[in-house]
Protein backbone atom coordinates (compact mmCIF):
# COMPACT_ATOMS: atom_id res chain seq x y z
CA MET A 1 109.51 70.15 83.10
CA ALA A 2 109.41 73.86 83.89
CA GLN A 3 106.90 75.13 86.41
CA SER A 4 104.39 77.63 84.94
CA VAL A 5 104.35 80.89 86.88
CA GLN A 6 102.84 84.33 86.29
CA TYR A 7 105.47 86.65 87.71
CA ASN A 8 103.90 89.17 90.04
CA ALA A 9 104.47 91.22 93.16
CA GLN A 10 103.58 88.31 95.44
CA LEU A 11 106.33 86.17 93.95
CA GLY A 12 108.67 89.10 93.52
CA GLY A 13 108.97 89.60 97.25
CA ASP A 14 111.75 87.01 97.31
CA LEU A 15 113.91 88.94 94.84
CA ASN A 16 116.07 92.01 95.38
CA GLU A 17 115.52 95.18 93.34
CA ALA A 18 118.40 94.43 90.93
CA GLN A 19 116.93 91.00 90.12
CA LYS A 20 113.47 92.48 89.59
CA LYS A 21 114.91 95.13 87.28
CA LYS A 22 116.80 92.52 85.26
CA ILE A 23 113.65 90.40 84.81
CA LYS A 24 111.58 93.46 83.86
CA GLU A 25 114.16 94.47 81.25
CA TYR A 26 114.28 90.94 79.85
CA LEU A 27 110.51 90.68 79.64
CA ALA A 28 110.27 94.13 78.02
CA LYS A 29 112.52 92.93 75.18
CA GLN A 30 110.26 90.03 74.26
CA GLN A 31 108.53 90.57 70.93
CA THR A 32 105.66 88.14 71.36
CA SER A 33 102.84 88.18 73.86
CA VAL A 34 101.81 84.58 73.20
CA ALA A 35 104.90 82.54 73.93
CA PRO A 36 105.92 82.17 77.58
CA VAL A 37 109.40 83.15 78.65
CA ASN A 38 111.65 80.66 80.45
CA ILE A 39 113.77 82.03 83.28
CA GLY A 40 115.58 79.31 85.18
CA ASP A 41 113.11 76.58 86.11
CA HIS A 42 110.09 78.84 85.68
CA THR A 43 107.98 79.66 82.66
CA MET A 44 106.70 83.19 82.91
CA LYS A 45 103.94 84.83 80.89
CA VAL A 46 104.84 88.15 79.33
CA TYR A 47 102.42 90.96 80.14
CA THR A 48 100.85 92.59 77.12
CA ALA A 49 99.24 95.99 77.63
CA PRO A 50 95.54 96.16 76.77
CA SER A 51 94.61 97.34 73.30
CA VAL A 52 92.40 100.40 72.81
CA GLU A 53 89.41 98.07 72.42
CA GLU A 54 90.33 96.22 75.64
CA LEU A 55 90.36 99.59 77.45
CA THR A 56 86.91 100.55 76.14
CA PRO A 57 84.28 99.72 78.78
CA GLY A 58 81.43 97.68 77.34
CA SER A 59 83.35 96.31 74.36
CA ASP A 60 83.54 92.55 73.92
CA ALA A 61 87.34 92.69 74.15
CA PHE A 62 87.12 94.66 77.43
CA LYS A 63 84.66 92.16 78.91
CA ALA A 64 86.80 89.18 77.87
CA ARG A 65 90.02 90.61 79.31
CA VAL A 66 88.33 91.66 82.56
CA ALA A 67 86.87 88.17 82.98
CA LYS A 68 90.32 86.59 82.52
CA VAL A 69 92.03 88.98 84.92
CA LYS A 70 89.24 88.81 87.54
CA HIS A 71 89.90 85.07 87.76
CA GLN A 72 93.58 85.80 88.51
CA LEU A 73 92.64 88.57 90.95
CA ALA A 74 90.27 86.29 92.84
CA GLU A 75 92.96 83.63 93.27
CA SER A 76 95.76 85.98 94.34
CA LEU A 77 97.36 85.51 97.74
CA PRO A 78 97.29 87.59 99.78
CA PRO A 79 93.84 88.72 98.63
CA ARG A 80 94.02 91.73 96.30
CA LEU A 81 90.27 92.36 96.00
CA VAL A 82 89.36 94.45 99.06
CA SER A 83 86.20 95.81 100.65
CA VAL A 84 85.39 99.44 101.42
CA PRO A 85 86.31 99.16 105.14
CA GLU A 86 89.64 97.58 104.19
CA VAL A 87 90.31 100.39 101.71
CA VAL A 88 89.49 103.06 104.31
CA GLU A 89 92.04 101.48 106.67
CA MET A 90 94.66 101.15 103.92
CA ILE A 91 94.27 104.83 103.01
CA ARG A 92 94.54 105.78 106.69
CA LYS A 93 97.87 103.93 106.75
CA GLY A 94 99.19 105.79 103.70
CA ALA A 95 98.04 103.84 100.63
CA VAL A 96 97.61 105.82 97.42
CA PHE A 97 93.95 105.78 96.27
CA VAL A 98 93.63 105.99 92.47
CA ASP A 99 90.59 106.25 90.21
CA VAL A 100 91.75 104.78 86.88
CA ARG A 101 88.92 106.09 84.68
CA THR A 102 89.33 108.87 82.14
CA ARG A 103 87.72 112.20 82.98
CA GLU A 104 85.13 111.51 80.28
CA GLN A 105 84.26 108.15 81.84
CA ILE A 106 83.99 109.73 85.29
CA GLN A 107 81.65 112.37 83.89
CA SER A 108 79.42 109.89 82.05
CA GLN A 109 79.39 107.12 84.68
CA THR A 110 79.20 109.02 87.97
CA ASN A 111 78.35 112.62 86.99
CA GLY A 112 81.92 113.76 87.57
CA ARG A 113 82.19 112.22 91.06
CA ILE A 114 85.04 110.13 92.48
CA PRO A 115 85.71 108.77 95.98
CA ARG A 116 86.96 111.51 98.32
CA GLY A 117 90.75 111.44 98.50
CA ALA A 118 91.21 109.51 95.26
CA ARG A 119 93.54 110.78 92.55
CA VAL A 120 92.50 110.57 88.92
CA LEU A 121 95.23 108.73 86.98
CA PRO A 122 93.57 107.20 83.90
CA LEU A 123 94.86 103.71 83.11
CA ASP A 124 94.81 104.65 79.43
CA ASP A 125 97.67 107.11 80.13
CA TRP A 126 100.03 104.85 82.11
CA VAL A 127 99.24 101.25 81.19
CA ASP A 128 102.88 100.62 80.22
CA GLN A 129 104.68 102.61 82.91
CA LEU A 130 104.06 103.07 86.62
CA PRO A 131 103.32 106.74 87.40
CA PRO A 132 105.89 108.21 89.84
CA VAL A 133 103.17 108.97 92.40
CA MET A 134 102.65 105.20 92.81
CA ALA A 135 106.27 104.04 92.96
CA GLY A 136 107.09 102.11 96.11
CA LYS A 137 103.65 102.60 97.66
CA LYS A 138 100.65 100.45 98.43
CA ILE A 139 98.06 101.30 95.78
CA VAL A 140 94.29 100.93 95.94
CA LEU A 141 92.56 101.11 92.58
CA THR A 142 88.97 102.04 91.82
CA CYS A 143 86.78 102.78 88.84
CA TRP A 144 83.00 102.70 88.35
CA GLN A 145 82.23 99.04 89.12
CA GLY A 146 85.68 97.47 89.53
CA ASN A 147 86.32 96.29 85.98
CA LYS A 148 88.79 98.87 84.67
CA SER A 149 90.59 98.87 88.02
CA THR A 150 91.00 95.11 87.56
CA LEU A 151 92.89 95.79 84.32
CA ALA A 152 94.95 98.44 86.13
CA TRP A 153 95.81 95.83 88.77
CA GLU A 154 97.06 93.53 86.02
CA ALA A 155 99.32 96.29 84.66
CA LEU A 156 100.68 97.15 88.10
CA ARG A 157 101.26 93.51 89.01
CA ALA A 158 103.46 93.18 85.93
CA GLN A 159 105.45 96.15 87.25
CA PHE A 160 105.93 94.59 90.70
CA ALA A 161 103.61 97.07 92.43
CA ASP A 162 101.74 96.35 95.67
CA ALA A 163 98.25 96.95 94.21
CA TYR A 164 94.70 96.20 95.35
CA VAL A 165 91.26 96.63 93.78
CA LEU A 166 88.24 98.11 95.56
CA GLU A 167 85.56 95.47 95.13
CA GLY A 168 82.56 97.08 93.44
CA GLY A 169 84.45 100.30 92.68
CA TYR A 170 82.85 103.72 93.08
CA ASN A 171 79.40 102.13 93.36
CA ALA A 172 80.42 100.19 96.49
CA TRP A 173 82.19 103.27 97.92
CA GLU A 174 79.11 105.46 97.51
CA ALA A 175 76.70 102.74 98.68
CA SER A 176 78.65 102.36 101.92
CA GLY A 177 78.14 106.05 102.71
CA GLN A 178 81.75 107.12 102.12
CA ALA A 179 82.32 110.70 100.96
CA THR A 180 82.74 111.56 97.27
CA GLN A 181 84.07 114.62 95.48
CA SER A 182 83.75 116.30 92.09
CA ILE A 183 86.65 116.41 89.66
């Protein structure tokens, strides 16, 4: 019986870049998001990008997908849900800090404010393809409360990225006294 595995960056560390590329190409060709894919002795789930409704904060589809992914995020090893002090240290060491909200969401949720040093790269724009600025780097994701960045983590994990989510998002950043900036 095949072992069920969600292929991600943690598991991908044992593969070389050519093997990762081959698996990504194979998975990209799959037409169904429901059926698992068998590769060797492992059954892998194919990543399906969120629908427009799943990217809309507050919608039932958004809440359902976030709940499913948060469960996976919480169980990831090493831990991928990180605190503000951990994020500050990761940024100091060169991690890319990304706010994944749209400019409209930033304006409505936090009056146009983002954590200081964060780049605005809306998940809605890159959900299927890793932006070049993130390639090969440690990535820390944030949003308003941590929900949309959880979906961004799911997308990046499927692309073999070394991604983390700021627990509590912008709200936790601001509450800890860290600097913010206007967009």
